[in-house]
Amino acid sequence: MGITMTGAVDEIAHNFIVPDGTRMEEHTIVACGDVIIGNGVNLGYGVIGENITVGERTSIEGDVKAHSDIRVDLWSKIHGSVSVEADAYFGEFVSIDGRLSVGGNLDVGSNVKIAEGYTAKGWIVVRNPLPVITFIFLYLLTLLQLGRAEEVERALDELFPEEESFLSGKLMIIPDDAKITLTEIIVPGAAVIQNDCRLFGNIRARSVFIGDRNRIFGSVRTDDDVQIGVGCTIDGKIESKREVIISRGSHIMGDVEAKMVILHETARVDGMIRAPEGVILIRDETVGLKDETLRTYHCFSLLFPEEALPRRGLIDGDALNTGYTNQLFHETARD
């Protein structure tokens, strides 16, 4: 499905998207690609990324380092230093508590405050830079008024190559009004955490998708579904008003509470499972394999989960009664 401008804005405005390899360290979020931080965000970390865009009235509690450009909209506050390897754009009334270092050009609006001074190797211009979204909107609007629909299509293709969704790229999105601190991650929409990430804080979101080989130091609570990928560790409990899916080799250190729980046989839940509509156990077809071969299979399935799907349906076993822990499962295999 091709991306639309409405869909793109919705992703930026509501959903928390974490690309592969993102790490939350003691004071800093380290992203492997670009970072978009929405309006009114309370971010209790510094940020390291490629191109970094910060919305209006956002607070960042740490140093910011951009390997390419940075753009910060009006009234935002950075409680640390800022290092930019390329160009920097700061809107009106932005404040920086530390030092600003810019490797390229520096565009600043009026009343920008930099507590510890600044250096810039390129041109320094005092004006009010347009926000990214505003610039794109005005540019496309002008082309449409001139009747250049083909140029609009070409511009959209350049902005969104091959009509891919933001979810497919190395782009981190922190949505409007999100609150992210050492202890909590609160977002208004969905939380999509891709593969090989390390995050701290209790996650509160509308729904949560967690990819493979992630470590979450906190609990997960949603109103909608929760899906946990292969080889993940959750250092807390999972609460959902709908369905929870826990994939192969994942480890949940707390309780799991949901309307229904779907659990792979190699997953582990240390606490209680409470599911009014039952627990479904997913089994792989490993009957007849020797112990050594079985161990090799399980290791292979964690590394390459797509290649190790069961050959004959996903579910082998009946729904189980509420309140059983993983040690108390009573399994009824089908023929």
Protein backbone atom coordinates (compact mmCIF):
# COMPACT_ATOMS: atom_id res chain seq x y z
CA MET A 1 0.00 0.00 0.00
CA GLY A 2 1.41 3.39 -0.97
CA ILE A 3 1.93 6.07 1.61
CA THR A 4 -0.37 9.11 1.73
CA MET A 5 0.30 12.50 3.24
CA THR A 6 -2.53 11.87 5.70
CA GLY A 7 -1.02 8.56 6.73
CA ALA A 8 2.44 10.09 7.10
CA VAL A 9 1.18 12.90 9.32
CA ASP A 10 -0.82 10.40 11.40
CA GLU A 11 2.30 8.29 11.99
CA ILE A 12 4.29 11.34 13.07
CA ALA A 13 1.51 12.75 15.26
CA HIS A 14 0.42 9.64 17.17
CA ASN A 15 2.70 6.58 16.92
CA PHE A 16 5.99 5.85 18.67
CA ILE A 17 8.25 4.13 16.15
CA VAL A 18 11.65 2.72 17.12
CA PRO A 19 13.90 1.44 14.30
CA ASP A 20 16.32 -1.49 14.42
CA GLY A 21 19.26 -1.20 16.78
CA THR A 22 18.02 1.74 18.85
CA ARG A 23 19.50 1.90 22.36
CA MET A 24 18.49 3.82 25.45
CA GLU A 25 21.63 4.48 27.44
CA GLU A 26 21.90 6.14 30.85
CA HIS A 27 21.34 9.68 29.57
CA THR A 28 20.98 9.32 25.79
CA ILE A 29 18.85 7.68 23.10
CA VAL A 30 21.13 6.41 20.33
CA ALA A 31 19.33 5.98 16.98
CA CYS A 32 20.85 4.49 13.82
CA GLY A 33 19.03 6.89 11.48
CA ASP A 34 16.95 10.06 11.44
CA VAL A 35 14.91 11.20 14.43
CA ILE A 36 11.62 13.13 14.42
CA ILE A 37 10.43 14.48 17.77
CA GLY A 38 6.91 15.92 17.72
CA ASN A 39 5.29 18.91 19.41
CA GLY A 40 4.92 19.15 23.16
CA VAL A 41 7.17 16.17 23.91
CA ASN A 42 8.77 15.71 27.32
CA LEU A 43 11.96 13.75 26.59
CA GLY A 44 14.07 12.84 29.60
CA TYR A 45 17.08 11.87 27.47
CA GLY A 46 19.56 13.39 25.09
CA VAL A 47 19.50 12.21 21.46
CA ILE A 48 22.09 11.00 18.94
CA GLY A 49 21.00 10.49 15.32
CA GLU A 50 21.49 11.49 11.70
CA ASN A 51 19.01 14.26 10.77
CA ILE A 52 17.13 15.40 13.87
CA THR A 53 13.86 17.37 13.71
CA VAL A 54 12.26 18.75 16.88
CA GLY A 55 8.74 20.20 17.00
CA GLU A 56 7.35 23.14 18.94
CA ARG A 57 7.39 23.50 22.75
CA THR A 58 9.37 20.31 23.26
CA SER A 59 11.76 19.74 26.16
CA ILE A 60 14.90 17.59 25.80
CA GLU A 61 16.76 16.77 29.02
CA GLY A 62 20.24 16.10 27.68
CA ASP A 63 22.80 16.66 24.95
CA VAL A 64 21.81 16.42 21.28
CA LYS A 65 24.19 15.25 18.55
CA ALA A 66 23.20 15.24 14.86
CA HIS A 67 25.52 13.56 12.36
CA SER A 68 23.82 15.59 9.63
CA ASP A 69 21.29 18.48 9.97
CA ILE A 70 19.17 19.57 12.92
CA ARG A 71 15.98 21.63 12.93
CA VAL A 72 14.33 22.83 16.15
CA ASP A 73 11.00 24.67 16.04
CA LEU A 74 9.96 27.59 18.22
CA TRP A 75 9.77 27.64 22.02
CA SER A 76 11.60 24.32 22.42
CA LYS A 77 14.20 23.82 25.16
CA ILE A 78 17.35 21.71 25.11
CA HIS A 79 18.80 21.23 28.60
CA GLY A 80 22.27 20.35 27.36
CA SER A 81 24.72 21.03 24.56
CA VAL A 82 24.06 20.63 20.81
CA SER A 83 26.59 19.29 18.29
CA VAL A 84 25.74 19.35 14.57
CA GLU A 85 28.02 18.09 11.80
CA ALA A 86 26.12 19.84 8.98
CA ASP A 87 23.54 22.69 9.06
CA ALA A 88 21.43 23.86 12.02
CA TYR A 89 18.07 25.66 12.05
CA PHE A 90 16.55 27.09 15.23
CA GLY A 91 13.16 28.82 15.42
CA GLU A 92 12.16 31.74 17.63
CA PHE A 93 12.58 31.51 21.41
CA VAL A 94 14.54 28.25 21.35
CA SER A 95 16.83 27.91 24.36
CA ILE A 96 19.99 25.79 24.71
CA ASP A 97 21.43 25.44 28.20
CA GLY A 98 24.83 24.24 26.98
CA ARG A 99 27.11 25.03 24.05
CA LEU A 100 26.20 24.93 20.34
CA SER A 101 28.71 23.58 17.82
CA VAL A 102 27.79 23.63 14.11
CA GLY A 103 29.90 22.17 11.31
CA GLY A 104 27.94 23.93 8.54
CA ASN A 105 25.59 26.92 8.28
CA LEU A 106 23.59 28.26 11.22
CA ASP A 107 20.10 29.77 10.77
CA VAL A 108 18.53 31.19 13.93
CA GLY A 109 15.31 33.01 14.69
CA SER A 110 14.93 35.95 17.04
CA ASN A 111 15.33 35.56 20.80
CA VAL A 112 17.26 32.29 20.59
CA LYS A 113 19.24 31.77 23.81
CA ILE A 114 22.50 29.80 23.94
CA ALA A 115 23.88 29.71 27.47
CA GLU A 116 27.50 28.74 26.80
CA GLY A 117 28.11 30.31 23.39
CA TYR A 118 28.38 28.82 19.91
CA THR A 119 30.71 28.10 17.00
CA ALA A 120 29.75 27.68 13.34
CA LYS A 121 32.07 26.92 10.43
CA GLY A 122 29.61 28.16 7.78
CA TRP A 123 27.36 31.18 7.33
CA ILE A 124 25.37 32.55 10.26
CA VAL A 125 21.97 33.99 9.35
CA VAL A 126 19.51 35.54 11.81
CA ARG A 127 15.97 34.91 10.56
CA ASN A 128 13.00 32.65 11.26
CA PRO A 129 13.50 29.34 9.39
CA LEU A 130 10.33 27.65 8.17
CA PRO A 131 9.39 24.36 9.84
CA VAL A 132 9.98 21.34 7.61
CA ILE A 133 6.31 20.42 7.20
CA THR A 134 5.37 24.05 6.46
CA PHE A 135 8.07 24.32 3.80
CA ILE A 136 6.94 21.09 2.10
CA PHE A 137 3.29 22.19 2.20
CA LEU A 138 3.99 25.64 0.68
CA TYR A 139 6.24 24.13 -1.99
CA LEU A 140 3.64 21.57 -3.09
CA LEU A 141 0.84 24.16 -2.92
CA THR A 142 2.77 26.50 -5.22
CA LEU A 143 3.35 23.73 -7.76
CA LEU A 144 -0.36 22.84 -7.74
CA GLN A 145 -1.35 26.48 -8.26
CA LEU A 146 0.98 26.59 -11.26
CA GLY A 147 -0.68 23.47 -12.67
CA ARG A 148 2.44 21.34 -12.41
CA ALA A 149 0.88 18.10 -11.18
CA GLU A 150 3.70 16.01 -12.65
CA GLU A 151 6.26 17.94 -10.61
CA VAL A 152 4.15 17.37 -7.49
CA GLU A 153 4.21 13.61 -8.15
CA ARG A 154 7.96 13.75 -8.71
CA ALA A 155 8.48 15.73 -5.49
CA LEU A 156 6.42 13.22 -3.50
CA ASP A 157 8.42 10.37 -5.02
CA GLU A 158 11.64 12.07 -3.85
CA LEU A 159 10.23 12.68 -0.37
CA PHE A 160 8.86 9.14 -0.06
CA PRO A 161 10.97 6.89 -2.33
CA GLU A 162 9.18 3.83 -3.73
CA GLU A 163 6.13 4.88 -1.68
CA GLU A 164 7.51 3.06 1.32
CA SER A 165 6.02 3.60 4.76
CA PHE A 166 8.03 5.29 7.48
CA LEU A 167 7.97 1.90 9.22
CA SER A 168 10.36 0.42 6.66
CA GLY A 169 13.21 2.90 7.17
CA LYS A 170 15.73 3.76 9.87
CA LEU A 171 13.51 6.54 11.18
CA MET A 172 12.68 7.06 14.84
CA ILE A 173 9.44 8.93 15.55
CA ILE A 174 8.48 10.30 18.95
CA PRO A 175 4.86 11.50 18.59
CA ASP A 176 3.21 14.70 19.80
CA ASP A 177 2.69 14.99 23.57
CA ALA A 178 4.72 11.88 24.35
CA LYS A 179 6.44 11.54 27.72
CA ILE A 180 9.63 9.49 27.78
CA THR A 181 11.75 9.28 30.92
CA LEU A 182 13.97 6.71 32.63
CA THR A 183 10.89 5.12 34.22
CA GLU A 184 8.09 5.47 31.66
CA ILE A 185 7.25 5.68 27.97
CA ILE A 186 3.77 7.17 27.49
CA VAL A 187 2.48 7.74 23.94
CA PRO A 188 -1.02 8.53 22.62
CA GLY A 189 -1.04 5.93 19.82
CA ALA A 190 0.72 2.68 19.00
CA ALA A 191 4.27 1.74 19.99
CA VAL A 192 6.20 -0.09 17.26
CA ILE A 193 9.59 -1.36 18.39
CA GLN A 194 11.51 -3.14 15.67
CA ASN A 195 14.49 -5.49 16.13
CA ASP A 196 17.59 -5.57 18.37
CA CYS A 197 16.57 -2.62 20.56
CA ARG A 198 17.22 -1.87 24.23
CA LEU A 199 14.67 0.34 26.00
CA PHE A 200 14.03 1.45 29.57
CA GLY A 201 10.69 2.38 31.12
CA ASN A 202 7.15 1.12 31.54
CA ILE A 203 5.39 1.36 28.16
CA ARG A 204 1.86 2.79 28.05
CA ALA A 205 0.35 2.90 24.56
CA ARG A 206 -2.83 2.10 22.63
CA SER A 207 -1.19 -1.04 21.22
CA VAL A 208 2.34 -2.45 21.25
CA PHE A 209 4.29 -4.39 18.64
CA ILE A 210 7.75 -5.57 19.67
CA GLY A 211 9.97 -7.20 17.06
CA ASP A 212 12.75 -9.76 17.56
CA ARG A 213 15.63 -9.88 20.07
CA ASN A 214 14.58 -6.83 22.08
CA ARG A 215 15.21 -6.11 25.75
CA ILE A 216 12.60 -4.00 27.55
CA PHE A 217 13.44 -2.98 31.12
CA GLY A 218 9.87 -2.31 32.21
CA SER A 219 6.27 -3.43 31.87
CA VAL A 220 3.79 -3.08 28.99
CA ARG A 221 0.20 -1.86 29.34
CA THR A 222 -2.24 -1.31 26.45
CA ASP A 223 -5.93 -1.07 25.63
CA ASP A 224 -5.42 -3.03 22.41
CA ASP A 225 -3.26 -5.97 21.29
CA VAL A 226 0.31 -6.74 22.33
CA GLN A 227 2.65 -8.76 20.11
CA ILE A 228 6.07 -9.89 21.34
CA GLY A 229 8.53 -11.18 18.73
CA VAL A 230 11.20 -13.88 18.88
CA GLY A 231 13.86 -13.97 21.59
CA CYS A 232 12.69 -10.92 23.56
CA THR A 233 13.03 -10.28 27.29
CA ILE A 234 10.49 -8.13 29.14
CA ASP A 235 11.58 -7.23 32.69
CA GLY A 236 8.03 -6.68 33.91
CA LYS A 237 4.41 -7.62 33.39
CA ILE A 238 2.13 -7.34 30.35
CA GLU A 239 -1.42 -6.03 30.63
CA SER A 240 -3.84 -5.82 27.70
CA LYS A 241 -7.60 -5.54 27.36
CA ARG A 242 -7.48 -7.69 24.24
CA GLU A 243 -4.94 -10.24 22.93
CA VAL A 244 -1.31 -10.92 23.81
CA ILE A 245 0.95 -12.95 21.50
CA ILE A 246 4.31 -14.15 22.85
CA SER A 247 6.61 -15.69 20.24
CA ARG A 248 9.32 -18.31 20.28
CA GLY A 249 12.03 -18.06 22.94
CA SER A 250 10.76 -14.88 24.61
CA HIS A 251 10.91 -14.41 28.37
CA ILE A 252 8.36 -12.42 30.39
CA MET A 253 9.55 -11.88 33.97
CA GLY A 254 6.19 -10.77 35.35
CA ASP A 255 2.51 -11.62 35.01
CA VAL A 256 0.56 -11.64 31.75
CA GLU A 257 -3.04 -10.42 31.87
CA ALA A 258 -5.25 -10.20 28.78
CA LYS A 259 -8.54 -11.37 27.30
CA MET A 260 -6.64 -14.11 25.42
CA VAL A 261 -2.99 -15.17 25.43
CA ILE A 262 -1.26 -16.99 22.55
CA LEU A 263 2.02 -18.48 23.73
CA HIS A 264 4.76 -20.38 21.91
CA GLU A 265 5.87 -23.56 23.67
CA THR A 266 9.46 -22.28 24.03
CA ALA A 267 8.40 -18.96 25.56
CA ARG A 268 8.67 -18.49 29.30
CA VAL A 269 6.41 -16.57 31.69
CA ASP A 270 7.68 -16.33 35.27
CA GLY A 271 4.44 -14.97 36.73
CA MET A 272 0.77 -15.85 36.46
CA ILE A 273 -1.22 -15.84 33.21
CA ARG A 274 -4.76 -14.52 33.52
CA ALA A 275 -6.87 -14.86 30.37
CA PRO A 276 -10.70 -15.11 30.64
CA GLU A 277 -10.97 -16.44 27.07
CA GLY A 278 -8.12 -18.93 27.51
CA VAL A 279 -4.49 -19.57 26.63
CA ILE A 280 -3.48 -21.12 23.31
CA LEU A 281 -0.17 -22.97 23.08
CA ILE A 282 1.71 -22.87 19.77
CA ARG A 283 3.87 -25.90 19.04
CA ASP A 284 6.45 -26.65 16.36
CA GLU A 285 6.49 -30.02 14.63
CA THR A 286 9.52 -31.61 16.27
CA VAL A 287 8.16 -35.09 16.96
CA GLY A 288 10.82 -37.73 16.27
CA LEU A 289 13.81 -35.39 16.44
CA LYS A 290 16.71 -36.46 18.64
CA ASP A 291 17.69 -34.24 21.57
CA GLU A 292 20.83 -32.88 19.87
CA THR A 293 18.94 -32.13 16.66
CA LEU A 294 16.13 -30.55 18.67
CA ARG A 295 18.54 -28.20 20.44
CA THR A 296 20.06 -27.20 17.10
CA TYR A 297 16.59 -26.58 15.70
CA HIS A 298 15.61 -24.28 18.58
CA CYS A 299 18.84 -22.27 18.22
CA PHE A 300 18.26 -21.97 14.47
CA SER A 301 14.65 -20.91 15.00
CA LEU A 302 15.71 -18.02 17.24
CA LEU A 303 18.20 -16.74 14.66
CA PHE A 304 15.92 -17.23 11.64
CA PRO A 305 12.32 -17.21 12.92
CA GLU A 306 10.74 -16.93 9.46
CA GLU A 307 12.40 -20.19 8.34
CA ALA A 308 11.21 -22.21 11.32
CA LEU A 309 7.44 -21.87 11.11
CA PRO A 310 5.45 -25.07 11.66
CA ARG A 311 4.64 -26.91 8.46
CA ARG A 312 1.13 -27.98 9.46
CA GLY A 313 -0.75 -25.12 11.05
CA LEU A 314 0.31 -22.91 13.91
CA ILE A 315 -1.71 -24.18 16.84
CA ASP A 316 -1.47 -27.65 18.38
CA GLY A 317 -3.33 -27.83 21.68
CA ASP A 318 -6.57 -26.69 23.27
CA ALA A 319 -7.34 -23.42 24.99
CA LEU A 320 -6.43 -23.66 28.64
CA ASN A 321 -8.19 -22.52 31.78
CA THR A 322 -7.58 -19.14 33.36
CA GLY A 323 -4.94 -18.68 36.03
CA TYR A 324 -2.34 -21.29 35.10
CA THR A 325 1.35 -20.45 35.13
CA ASN A 326 3.61 -21.84 32.44
CA GLN A 327 4.57 -24.72 34.75
CA LEU A 328 0.91 -25.77 35.15
CA PHE A 329 -0.16 -26.07 31.51
CA HIS A 330 -2.23 -29.20 30.81
CA GLU A 331 -1.74 -29.99 27.15
CA THR A 332 -4.15 -31.92 24.93
CA ALA A 333 -2.47 -32.66 21.61
CA ARG A 334 -4.47 -33.10 18.45
CA ASP A 335 -4.03 -36.01 16.11
